[in-house]
């Protein structure tokens, strides 16, 4: 008997989705939804909004300071924020009572570990999938349904499985005619989650998987092995298994794999705190190794000096780990911020443009681009020196940030060229913003000694057109043509290419 048949016959009663989850899913399905509308729904639950912002500002995403939900939507994208919010809602509201054989906190601790691991593994193998962390989080949610609806029978499965050594899916199939992965598939499908999430869950434990989901299954396999290591008895065979798959399937080994294993532990502890779930005895891999070395040292009872040296080594390792963590955070900040102006850099802009292009294409939304260049900047550098030129660019960056909304992205495109990404903005409104920027820059003064340095900018504007712009570079090219027109028409003006 299939999971769907059992549901239709009333043998399995699916829980209703949380109300706020329904509102989020219904909103993002609408063709005309806006950042503001989705932000209002999330902010209607202050606890949920606070948790979403905590995660957005954590090292898990590393995108700089995010002060409100609208900003989170602009920087991370609708899809990512939607999945963060749904994760918090489902984990918080879907917790059956604990029993001798099943503890929901342990279940969600393992699920969150798999979720963090899946995201990091996907990044390591260069597989772009904004849904992979939520797929990993909800992959075994069918277990929760069976514990709730068929508690006595499922309790026997847990006990008998340990005795006969079979897999959980095999035991479920024998008892019910379906497994928890099929039931999870039906639950999330009926809740209205996208097929991109519930589709891979149907077969994530299967050896034979449709080509569409093979990469996700392989990533989940590695993630689940790391989850078992961190939440189990620290079986080193799990680590060997992870290293073997990453080497044989993806050609990745050495330091990158060691960093992955370490980061899964560190980031899981951080994310668990956002969900207010105890990390129990979980420790990063480096500390597990350190404790193992300490345990070995205790075998040498009479070697007091060795104990002192080990203690010193531990303190040095902890200090080094703290310095490393601080350095990594600084490197992450440097990775997406321009060193001179402290606004976003070209790399971050390209990622943000990719997100916005895909969103606009999928939901038929507007967005616009302003490309601007300082007029005669060489004259400023030649007349006053490069230090003054840098100060002018810093002041210009502040003017740009003060001239746009919090959801807009301002970035240094290169040299004295800057770019502004305007979500949910059509051509007419983008031209208004560009003209406001032009006038604000024209009124700006940079004072150096007795000199008041003024400047002007030329601006090119383009707006997304799904028929003309087949890729993100096309809209940049249109804005660049507008900038070229502005420069060749006398400078200090706005030109648009429609």
Protein backbone atom coordinates (compact mmCIF):
# COMPACT_ATOMS: atom_id res chain seq x y z
CA UNK A 1 0.00 0.00 0.00
CA UNK A 2 1.45 3.39 -1.00
CA UNK A 3 1.70 6.39 1.31
CA UNK A 4 -0.90 8.25 -0.78
CA UNK A 5 -3.36 5.32 -0.55
CA UNK A 6 -2.92 5.18 3.23
CA UNK A 7 -3.63 8.90 3.46
CA UNK A 8 -6.75 8.62 1.30
CA UNK A 9 -8.00 5.62 3.33
CA UNK A 10 -7.59 7.58 6.55
CA UNK A 11 -4.88 5.28 7.95
CA UNK A 12 -2.38 8.13 7.96
CA UNK A 13 -3.61 11.59 8.92
CA UNK A 14 -1.28 14.32 7.74
CA UNK A 15 -0.75 17.30 10.05
CA UNK A 16 -1.88 20.70 8.78
CA UNK A 17 0.84 23.11 7.70
CA UNK A 18 1.59 26.03 10.09
CA UNK A 19 -0.57 29.06 9.24
CA UNK A 20 2.32 31.45 8.62
CA UNK A 21 3.98 28.87 6.34
CA UNK A 22 0.79 28.78 4.24
CA UNK A 23 0.81 32.59 3.97
CA UNK A 24 4.48 32.63 2.88
CA UNK A 25 3.93 29.92 0.24
CA UNK A 26 0.73 31.52 -1.09
CA UNK A 27 2.46 34.90 -1.35
CA UNK A 28 5.54 33.75 -3.30
CA UNK A 29 3.30 31.87 -5.76
CA UNK A 30 1.56 35.11 -6.77
CA UNK A 31 2.86 36.75 -9.93
CA UNK A 32 2.70 40.25 -8.43
CA UNK A 33 4.05 39.74 -4.91
CA UNK A 34 6.56 42.28 -3.60
CA UNK A 35 9.42 42.31 -1.11
CA UNK A 36 7.31 44.51 1.15
CA UNK A 37 4.38 42.06 1.17
CA UNK A 38 6.56 39.05 2.04
CA UNK A 39 8.46 41.09 4.64
CA UNK A 40 5.17 42.08 6.34
CA UNK A 41 4.13 38.42 6.64
CA UNK A 42 7.44 37.37 8.22
CA UNK A 43 7.51 40.44 10.49
CA UNK A 44 3.97 39.65 11.71
CA UNK A 45 5.71 37.06 13.89
CA UNK A 46 8.43 39.08 15.73
CA UNK A 47 10.15 35.93 17.02
CA UNK A 48 10.36 34.51 13.47
CA UNK A 49 11.62 37.82 12.05
CA UNK A 50 14.31 38.04 14.74
CA UNK A 51 15.50 34.50 14.00
CA UNK A 52 15.60 35.10 10.24
CA UNK A 53 17.72 38.22 10.78
CA UNK A 54 20.06 36.33 13.15
CA UNK A 55 20.73 33.71 10.47
CA UNK A 56 21.07 36.35 7.72
CA UNK A 57 23.75 38.12 9.80
CA UNK A 58 25.56 34.93 10.83
CA UNK A 59 28.68 33.40 9.29
CA UNK A 60 26.32 30.88 7.64
CA UNK A 61 25.61 33.44 4.87
CA UNK A 62 28.26 36.17 5.42
CA UNK A 63 26.64 39.04 3.53
CA UNK A 64 27.37 41.88 5.92
CA UNK A 65 24.96 43.87 8.08
CA UNK A 66 21.27 43.06 7.42
CA UNK A 67 18.99 45.19 9.61
CA UNK A 68 15.49 44.30 8.37
CA UNK A 69 13.61 41.62 6.43
CA UNK A 70 13.32 43.75 3.27
CA UNK A 71 17.10 44.12 3.22
CA UNK A 72 17.49 40.37 3.75
CA UNK A 73 15.20 39.76 0.76
CA UNK A 74 17.25 42.16 -1.39
CA UNK A 75 20.67 40.76 -0.43
CA UNK A 76 19.93 37.03 -0.05
CA UNK A 77 17.04 36.77 -2.50
CA UNK A 78 13.38 35.82 -2.00
CA UNK A 79 14.06 32.10 -2.36
CA UNK A 80 16.69 31.92 0.38
CA UNK A 81 14.74 34.06 2.89
CA UNK A 82 11.57 32.05 2.16
CA UNK A 83 13.43 28.81 2.94
CA UNK A 84 14.98 30.23 6.13
CA UNK A 85 11.54 31.34 7.37
CA UNK A 86 9.86 28.04 6.45
CA UNK A 87 12.63 26.11 8.21
CA UNK A 88 12.11 28.04 11.44
CA UNK A 89 8.31 27.74 11.28
CA UNK A 90 8.31 23.97 10.61
CA UNK A 91 11.00 23.12 13.18
CA UNK A 92 9.35 25.29 15.86
CA UNK A 93 5.78 24.10 15.36
CA UNK A 94 6.27 20.46 14.39
CA UNK A 95 7.44 18.73 17.58
CA UNK A 96 5.57 15.63 18.87
CA UNK A 97 6.08 14.57 22.47
CA UNK A 98 9.35 12.86 23.38
CA UNK A 99 9.33 9.14 24.24
CA UNK A 100 11.83 6.47 25.28
CA UNK A 101 12.73 5.73 21.64
CA UNK A 102 12.10 9.08 19.94
CA UNK A 103 13.21 12.59 20.95
CA UNK A 104 12.11 15.45 18.62
CA UNK A 105 15.01 17.68 19.72
CA UNK A 106 17.48 14.95 18.74
CA UNK A 107 15.63 14.52 15.43
CA UNK A 108 15.82 18.24 14.60
CA UNK A 109 19.45 18.47 15.82
CA UNK A 110 20.36 15.79 13.30
CA UNK A 111 18.21 17.42 10.59
CA UNK A 112 19.86 20.82 11.12
CA UNK A 113 23.32 19.21 11.04
CA UNK A 114 22.45 17.58 7.68
CA UNK A 115 21.07 20.91 6.44
CA UNK A 116 24.26 22.82 7.28
CA UNK A 117 26.43 20.02 5.87
CA UNK A 118 24.43 19.86 2.61
CA UNK A 119 24.84 23.60 2.02
CA UNK A 120 28.61 23.43 2.63
CA UNK A 121 29.05 20.29 0.50
CA UNK A 122 27.09 21.89 -2.38
CA UNK A 123 29.33 24.98 -2.20
CA UNK A 124 32.46 22.78 -2.15
CA UNK A 125 31.43 20.84 -5.28
CA UNK A 126 30.21 24.04 -7.02
CA UNK A 127 26.59 22.87 -7.21
CA UNK A 128 24.23 25.84 -7.03
CA UNK A 129 20.92 24.94 -5.38
CA UNK A 130 19.24 27.38 -2.96
CA UNK A 131 16.90 24.55 -1.86
CA UNK A 132 19.53 21.98 -0.84
CA UNK A 133 19.66 23.01 2.83
CA UNK A 134 15.87 22.87 3.27
CA UNK A 135 15.72 19.54 1.37
CA UNK A 136 18.26 18.14 3.84
CA UNK A 137 16.36 19.63 6.78
CA UNK A 138 13.03 18.05 5.76
CA UNK A 139 14.28 14.84 4.11
CA UNK A 140 13.12 12.64 7.02
CA UNK A 141 10.02 14.59 8.12
CA UNK A 142 7.95 11.50 7.27
CA UNK A 143 9.38 9.94 10.45
CA UNK A 144 7.68 12.70 12.46
CA UNK A 145 4.33 11.87 10.84
CA UNK A 146 4.66 8.15 11.57
CA UNK A 147 5.69 8.81 15.18
CA UNK A 148 2.60 11.02 15.57
CA UNK A 149 0.07 8.81 13.74
CA UNK A 150 1.32 5.24 14.29
CA UNK A 151 3.30 5.55 17.50
CA UNK A 152 3.01 1.96 18.85
CA UNK A 153 3.82 0.30 15.52
CA UNK A 154 6.65 2.70 14.81
CA UNK A 155 8.14 2.15 18.26
CA UNK A 156 8.35 -1.57 17.47
CA UNK A 157 10.12 -0.77 14.17
CA UNK A 158 12.80 1.23 16.01
CA UNK A 159 13.43 -1.65 18.43
CA UNK A 160 13.32 -4.50 15.86
CA UNK A 161 15.55 -2.66 13.35
CA UNK A 162 18.41 -2.60 15.85
CA UNK A 163 18.04 -6.37 16.32
CA UNK A 164 17.86 -7.46 12.66
CA UNK A 165 20.28 -4.82 11.28
CA UNK A 166 18.10 -3.79 8.30
CA UNK A 167 17.59 -0.23 7.09
CA UNK A 168 14.78 1.93 8.45
CA UNK A 169 13.17 2.23 5.00
CA UNK A 170 13.10 -1.58 4.65
CA UNK A 171 11.49 -1.97 8.07
CA UNK A 172 8.88 0.70 7.26
CA UNK A 173 8.15 -0.89 3.89
CA UNK A 174 7.54 -4.26 5.56
CA UNK A 175 5.27 -2.79 8.25
CA UNK A 176 3.30 -0.15 6.29
CA UNK A 177 3.90 -0.77 2.58
CA UNK A 178 5.72 2.54 2.19
CA UNK A 179 8.72 4.36 3.71
CA UNK A 180 9.06 7.65 5.55
CA UNK A 181 10.63 9.26 2.45
CA UNK A 182 7.45 8.58 0.42
CA UNK A 183 5.31 9.91 3.27
CA UNK A 184 7.47 13.05 3.58
CA UNK A 185 7.07 13.57 -0.17
CA UNK A 186 3.24 13.43 0.12
CA UNK A 187 3.19 15.70 3.20
CA UNK A 188 5.29 18.48 1.66
CA UNK A 189 3.44 18.17 -1.64
CA UNK A 190 0.06 18.60 0.09
CA UNK A 191 1.44 21.50 2.13
CA UNK A 192 2.16 23.29 -1.14
CA UNK A 193 5.96 23.38 -1.03
CA UNK A 194 7.68 23.60 -4.45
CA UNK A 195 8.42 20.34 -6.29
CA UNK A 196 12.11 21.34 -6.25
CA UNK A 197 11.97 20.58 -2.50
CA UNK A 198 9.65 17.58 -2.17
CA UNK A 199 10.77 15.83 -5.40
CA UNK A 200 14.28 14.80 -4.23
CA UNK A 201 12.89 13.68 -0.84
CA UNK A 202 10.92 10.86 -2.51
CA UNK A 203 14.08 8.93 -3.38
CA UNK A 204 16.98 10.36 -1.36
CA UNK A 205 17.70 6.96 0.29
CA UNK A 206 17.42 4.98 -2.96
CA UNK A 207 20.39 3.61 -4.86
CA UNK A 208 18.49 4.04 -8.14
CA UNK A 209 17.51 7.70 -8.49
CA UNK A 210 16.26 9.73 -11.50
CA UNK A 211 19.06 11.71 -13.16
CA UNK A 212 17.32 14.94 -12.11
CA UNK A 213 17.99 14.21 -8.45
CA UNK A 214 21.28 12.26 -8.53
CA UNK A 215 23.50 15.21 -7.59
CA UNK A 216 21.21 16.15 -4.70
CA UNK A 217 21.15 12.53 -3.51
CA UNK A 218 24.97 12.35 -3.55
CA UNK A 219 25.25 15.62 -1.63
CA UNK A 220 22.70 14.36 0.94
CA UNK A 221 24.65 11.10 1.29
CA UNK A 222 27.81 13.02 2.26
CA UNK A 223 25.85 15.41 4.48
CA UNK A 224 24.09 12.56 6.31
CA UNK A 225 27.41 10.77 6.93
CA UNK A 226 28.79 13.96 8.52
CA UNK A 227 25.57 14.27 10.52
CA UNK A 228 25.97 10.69 11.80
CA UNK A 229 29.56 11.43 12.83
CA UNK A 230 28.75 14.59 14.77
CA UNK A 231 25.56 13.23 16.38
CA UNK A 232 26.68 9.63 16.93
CA UNK A 233 29.62 7.92 18.55
CA UNK A 234 32.22 9.79 16.43
CA UNK A 235 32.83 6.75 14.21
CA UNK A 236 35.89 7.59 12.08
CA UNK A 237 34.56 5.28 9.35
CA UNK A 238 32.02 8.02 8.59
CA UNK A 239 34.87 10.45 7.95
CA UNK A 240 36.67 7.93 5.74
CA UNK A 241 33.39 7.38 3.86
CA UNK A 242 32.96 11.14 3.31
CA UNK A 243 36.53 11.53 2.08
CA UNK A 244 36.14 8.55 -0.25
CA UNK A 245 32.96 9.92 -1.91
CA UNK A 246 34.35 13.44 -2.30
CA UNK A 247 37.55 12.06 -3.83
CA UNK A 248 36.00 9.43 -6.11
CA UNK A 249 32.87 11.33 -7.21
CA UNK A 250 34.09 14.94 -7.22
CA UNK A 251 37.90 14.77 -7.24
CA UNK A 252 38.10 16.82 -4.02
CA UNK A 253 40.50 15.88 -1.23
CA UNK A 254 43.05 17.18 1.23
CA UNK A 255 42.75 20.53 3.00
CA UNK A 256 39.40 21.46 1.42
CA UNK A 257 37.76 18.32 2.80
CA UNK A 258 39.31 18.87 6.25
CA UNK A 259 37.95 22.45 6.25
CA UNK A 260 34.50 21.14 5.24
CA UNK A 261 34.42 18.65 8.14
CA UNK A 262 35.54 21.36 10.60
CA UNK A 263 33.07 23.99 9.31
CA UNK A 264 30.10 21.59 9.50
CA UNK A 265 30.67 21.25 13.25
CA UNK A 266 31.29 24.96 13.87
CA UNK A 267 28.40 26.28 11.77
CA UNK A 268 25.93 23.64 13.05
CA UNK A 269 26.55 24.74 16.65
CA UNK A 270 25.89 28.35 15.59
CA UNK A 271 22.70 27.52 13.63
CA UNK A 272 21.34 25.29 16.44
CA UNK A 273 21.53 28.29 18.77
CA UNK A 274 19.30 30.27 16.37
CA UNK A 275 16.72 27.45 16.52
CA UNK A 276 17.11 27.36 20.34
CA UNK A 277 18.02 23.67 20.17
CA UNK A 278 20.81 22.39 22.39
CA UNK A 279 23.97 21.32 20.58
CA UNK A 280 24.40 18.72 23.36
CA UNK A 281 28.00 17.46 23.31
CA UNK A 282 28.69 18.49 19.69
CA UNK A 283 32.19 19.89 19.09
CA UNK A 284 34.13 20.94 15.98
CA UNK A 285 36.34 18.19 14.54
CA UNK A 286 39.55 19.94 15.67
CA UNK A 287 38.44 19.81 19.32
CA UNK A 288 37.43 16.13 18.98
CA UNK A 289 40.95 15.35 17.73
CA UNK A 290 42.45 17.43 20.49
CA UNK A 291 40.49 15.59 23.18
CA UNK A 292 41.51 12.26 21.66
CA UNK A 293 45.15 13.31 21.89
CA UNK A 294 44.64 14.35 25.50
CA UNK A 295 43.09 10.98 26.30
CA UNK A 296 46.13 9.25 24.83
CA UNK A 297 48.43 11.37 26.93
CA UNK A 298 46.70 10.14 30.10
CA UNK A 299 48.07 6.66 29.39
CA UNK A 300 51.46 7.94 30.43
CA UNK A 301 50.77 8.29 34.15
CA UNK A 302 54.19 9.45 35.24
CA UNK A 303 54.86 11.94 32.51
CA UNK A 304 53.71 15.15 34.24
CA UNK A 305 55.77 17.25 31.88
CA UNK A 306 53.90 15.84 28.91
CA UNK A 307 50.59 16.85 30.51
CA UNK A 308 51.86 20.41 30.96
CA UNK A 309 53.03 20.53 27.36
CA UNK A 310 49.69 19.21 26.15
CA UNK A 311 47.86 21.87 28.16
CA UNK A 312 50.06 24.55 26.65
CA UNK A 313 49.49 23.09 23.20
CA UNK A 314 45.74 23.14 23.84
CA UNK A 315 45.84 26.80 24.86
CA UNK A 316 47.94 27.61 21.82
CA UNK A 317 45.54 25.66 19.56
CA UNK A 318 42.52 27.47 21.04
CA UNK A 319 44.22 30.83 20.58
CA UNK A 320 45.18 29.93 17.01
CA UNK A 321 41.63 28.70 16.29
CA UNK A 322 40.22 32.01 17.57
CA UNK A 323 42.67 33.98 15.43
CA UNK A 324 41.85 31.81 12.43
CA UNK A 325 38.13 32.35 12.96
CA UNK A 326 38.67 36.12 13.18
CA UNK A 327 40.82 36.07 10.04
CA UNK A 328 38.24 33.98 8.14
CA UNK A 329 35.49 36.44 9.09
CA UNK A 330 37.65 39.33 7.90
CA UNK A 331 38.38 37.53 4.62
CA UNK A 332 34.66 36.92 4.09
CA UNK A 333 34.01 40.63 4.62
CA UNK A 334 36.80 41.50 2.18
CA UNK A 335 35.39 39.06 -0.36
CA UNK A 336 32.26 41.11 -1.00
CA UNK A 337 33.22 44.66 0.08
CA UNK A 338 35.31 47.20 -1.84
CA UNK A 339 38.43 47.99 0.20
CA UNK A 340 38.39 51.76 -0.51
CA UNK A 341 34.70 52.78 -0.42
CA UNK A 342 33.31 50.00 1.86
CA UNK A 343 30.38 49.44 -0.52
CA UNK A 344 29.76 46.15 -2.35
CA UNK A 345 32.33 45.11 -4.93
CA UNK A 346 32.04 43.86 -8.52
CA UNK A 347 31.91 40.20 -7.46
CA UNK A 348 29.01 40.73 -5.06
CA UNK A 349 27.15 42.79 -7.67
CA UNK A 350 27.42 39.97 -10.22
CA UNK A 351 25.92 37.48 -7.72
CA UNK A 352 23.12 39.92 -6.77
CA UNK A 353 22.40 40.60 -10.46
CA UNK A 354 22.19 36.85 -11.13
CA UNK A 355 19.65 36.43 -8.29
CA UNK A 356 17.58 39.40 -9.47
CA UNK A 357 17.69 38.34 -13.14
CA UNK A 358 16.45 34.81 -12.33
CA UNK A 359 13.74 36.15 -9.99
CA UNK A 360 12.49 38.70 -12.54
CA UNK A 361 12.51 36.09 -15.31
CA UNK A 362 10.67 33.51 -13.20
CA UNK A 363 7.99 35.80 -11.76
CA UNK A 364 7.83 38.36 -14.60
CA UNK A 365 8.96 41.25 -12.36
CA UNK A 366 10.67 44.58 -13.04
CA UNK A 367 14.20 45.59 -12.13
CA UNK A 368 16.57 48.23 -13.46
CA UNK A 369 20.28 49.03 -13.60
CA UNK A 370 22.16 52.33 -13.39
CA UNK A 371 25.78 52.40 -14.56
CA UNK A 372 27.61 55.67 -13.79
CA UNK A 373 31.10 57.04 -14.33
CA UNK A 374 32.83 60.11 -12.86
CA UNK A 375 33.38 62.74 -15.54
CA UNK A 376 37.01 63.84 -16.07
CA UNK A 377 38.25 61.94 -13.02
CA UNK A 378 41.76 61.93 -14.45
CA UNK A 379 41.81 65.72 -14.09
CA UNK A 380 41.09 65.39 -10.34
CA UNK A 381 43.88 62.84 -9.89
CA UNK A 382 46.35 64.89 -11.94
CA UNK A 383 45.48 68.19 -10.22
CA UNK A 384 45.14 67.10 -6.58
CA UNK A 385 46.80 63.68 -6.37
CA UNK A 386 45.49 60.13 -6.02
CA UNK A 387 44.87 60.46 -2.26
CA UNK A 388 42.37 63.25 -2.92
CA UNK A 389 40.95 61.23 -5.80
CA UNK A 390 40.32 58.34 -3.40
CA UNK A 391 38.58 60.73 -0.95
CA UNK A 392 36.31 61.93 -3.78
CA UNK A 393 35.33 58.32 -4.57
CA UNK A 394 34.58 57.65 -0.88
CA UNK A 395 32.32 60.73 -0.69
CA UNK A 396 30.63 59.77 -3.96
CA UNK A 397 29.88 56.30 -2.52
CA UNK A 398 28.15 57.89 0.47
CA UNK A 399 26.04 60.09 -1.83
CA UNK A 400 24.99 57.02 -3.83
CA UNK A 401 23.97 55.08 -0.70
CA UNK A 402 21.96 58.04 0.61
CA UNK A 403 20.19 58.45 -2.75
CA UNK A 404 18.62 54.97 -2.95
CA UNK A 405 16.39 52.63 -0.92
CA UNK A 406 17.61 50.12 1.62
CA UNK A 407 16.68 47.27 -0.74
CA UNK A 408 18.80 48.65 -3.62
CA UNK A 409 22.37 47.44 -4.19
CA UNK A 410 25.18 50.00 -4.67
CA UNK A 411 28.53 48.60 -5.84
CA UNK A 412 31.85 49.75 -7.22
CA UNK A 413 32.02 48.38 -10.75
CA UNK A 414 35.69 49.26 -11.25
CA UNK A 415 37.92 52.35 -11.02
CA UNK A 416 35.66 55.42 -11.01
CA UNK A 417 32.68 53.44 -12.35
CA UNK A 418 29.76 52.49 -10.08
CA UNK A 419 26.55 50.52 -10.48
CA UNK A 420 23.14 50.59 -8.77
CA UNK A 421 20.78 47.58 -8.91
CA UNK A 422 17.13 48.57 -8.39
CA UNK A 423 14.75 45.64 -7.65
CA UNK A 424 11.02 46.12 -8.37
CA UNK A 425 11.76 49.28 -10.43
CA UNK A 426 10.64 50.04 -13.99
CA UNK A 427 12.41 52.32 -16.47
CA UNK A 428 10.53 55.53 -15.60
CA UNK A 429 11.23 55.23 -11.88
CA UNK A 430 14.85 54.23 -12.57
CA UNK A 431 15.32 57.41 -14.64
CA UNK A 432 13.98 59.46 -11.70
CA UNK A 433 16.47 57.78 -9.34
CA UNK A 434 19.32 58.36 -11.81
CA UNK A 435 18.46 62.05 -12.18
CA UNK A 436 18.31 62.44 -8.38
CA UNK A 437 21.78 60.86 -8.14
CA UNK A 438 23.11 63.15 -10.86
CA UNK A 439 21.86 66.28 -9.07
CA UNK A 440 23.09 65.09 -5.66
CA UNK A 441 26.59 64.46 -7.07
CA UNK A 442 26.60 67.82 -8.84
CA UNK A 443 25.86 69.53 -5.49
CA UNK A 444 28.57 67.55 -3.65
CA UNK A 445 31.79 69.22 -2.54
CA UNK A 446 34.98 67.58 -1.29
CA UNK A 447 37.03 70.11 0.70
CA UNK A 448 40.80 69.74 0.77
CA UNK A 449 42.66 72.63 2.43
CA UNK A 450 41.31 75.75 0.71
CA UNK A 451 39.99 73.87 -2.32
CA UNK A 452 36.35 72.86 -2.82
CA UNK A 453 36.39 70.06 -5.39
CA UNK A 454 33.17 69.46 -7.35
CA UNK A 455 32.41 66.82 -9.92
CA UNK A 456 29.72 65.41 -12.17
CA UNK A 457 28.76 61.94 -13.36
CA UNK A 458 27.33 60.47 -16.55
CA UNK A 459 24.71 57.75 -16.12
CA UNK A 460 23.35 54.96 -18.31
CA UNK A 461 20.04 53.28 -17.43
CA UNK A 462 18.52 49.99 -18.57
CA UNK A 463 15.47 48.04 -17.42
CA UNK A 464 14.81 44.29 -17.61
CA UNK A 465 12.93 43.14 -20.69
CA UNK A 466 12.36 39.35 -20.80
CA UNK A 467 12.21 39.40 -24.63
CA UNK A 468 15.44 41.37 -25.16
CA UNK A 469 17.56 40.26 -22.23
CA UNK A 470 18.31 36.56 -22.48
CA UNK A 471 21.07 36.75 -19.86
CA UNK A 472 22.26 39.13 -17.15
CA UNK A 473 25.10 40.48 -19.30
CA UNK A 474 22.60 41.80 -21.85
CA UNK A 475 21.08 44.28 -19.39
CA UNK A 476 24.57 45.42 -18.30
CA UNK A 477 25.47 46.00 -21.96
CA UNK A 478 22.35 48.14 -22.46
CA UNK A 479 23.23 50.29 -19.42
CA UNK A 480 26.80 50.59 -20.72
CA UNK A 481 25.47 51.84 -24.08
CA UNK A 482 23.42 54.44 -22.20
CA UNK A 483 26.56 55.54 -20.32
CA UNK A 484 28.45 55.82 -23.62
CA UNK A 485 25.65 58.00 -25.04
CA UNK A 486 25.73 60.24 -21.93
CA UNK A 487 29.51 60.69 -22.23
CA UNK A 488 29.31 61.53 -25.93
CA UNK A 489 26.38 63.95 -25.48
CA UNK A 490 28.27 66.36 -23.24
CA UNK A 491 28.59 64.43 -19.95
CA UNK A 492 26.74 65.19 -16.67
CA UNK A 493 23.50 63.66 -17.96
CA UNK A 494 21.31 60.55 -17.89
CA UNK A 495 20.71 58.43 -20.98
CA UNK A 496 18.62 55.29 -21.27
CA UNK A 497 18.60 52.51 -23.85
CA UNK A 498 15.16 50.92 -24.14
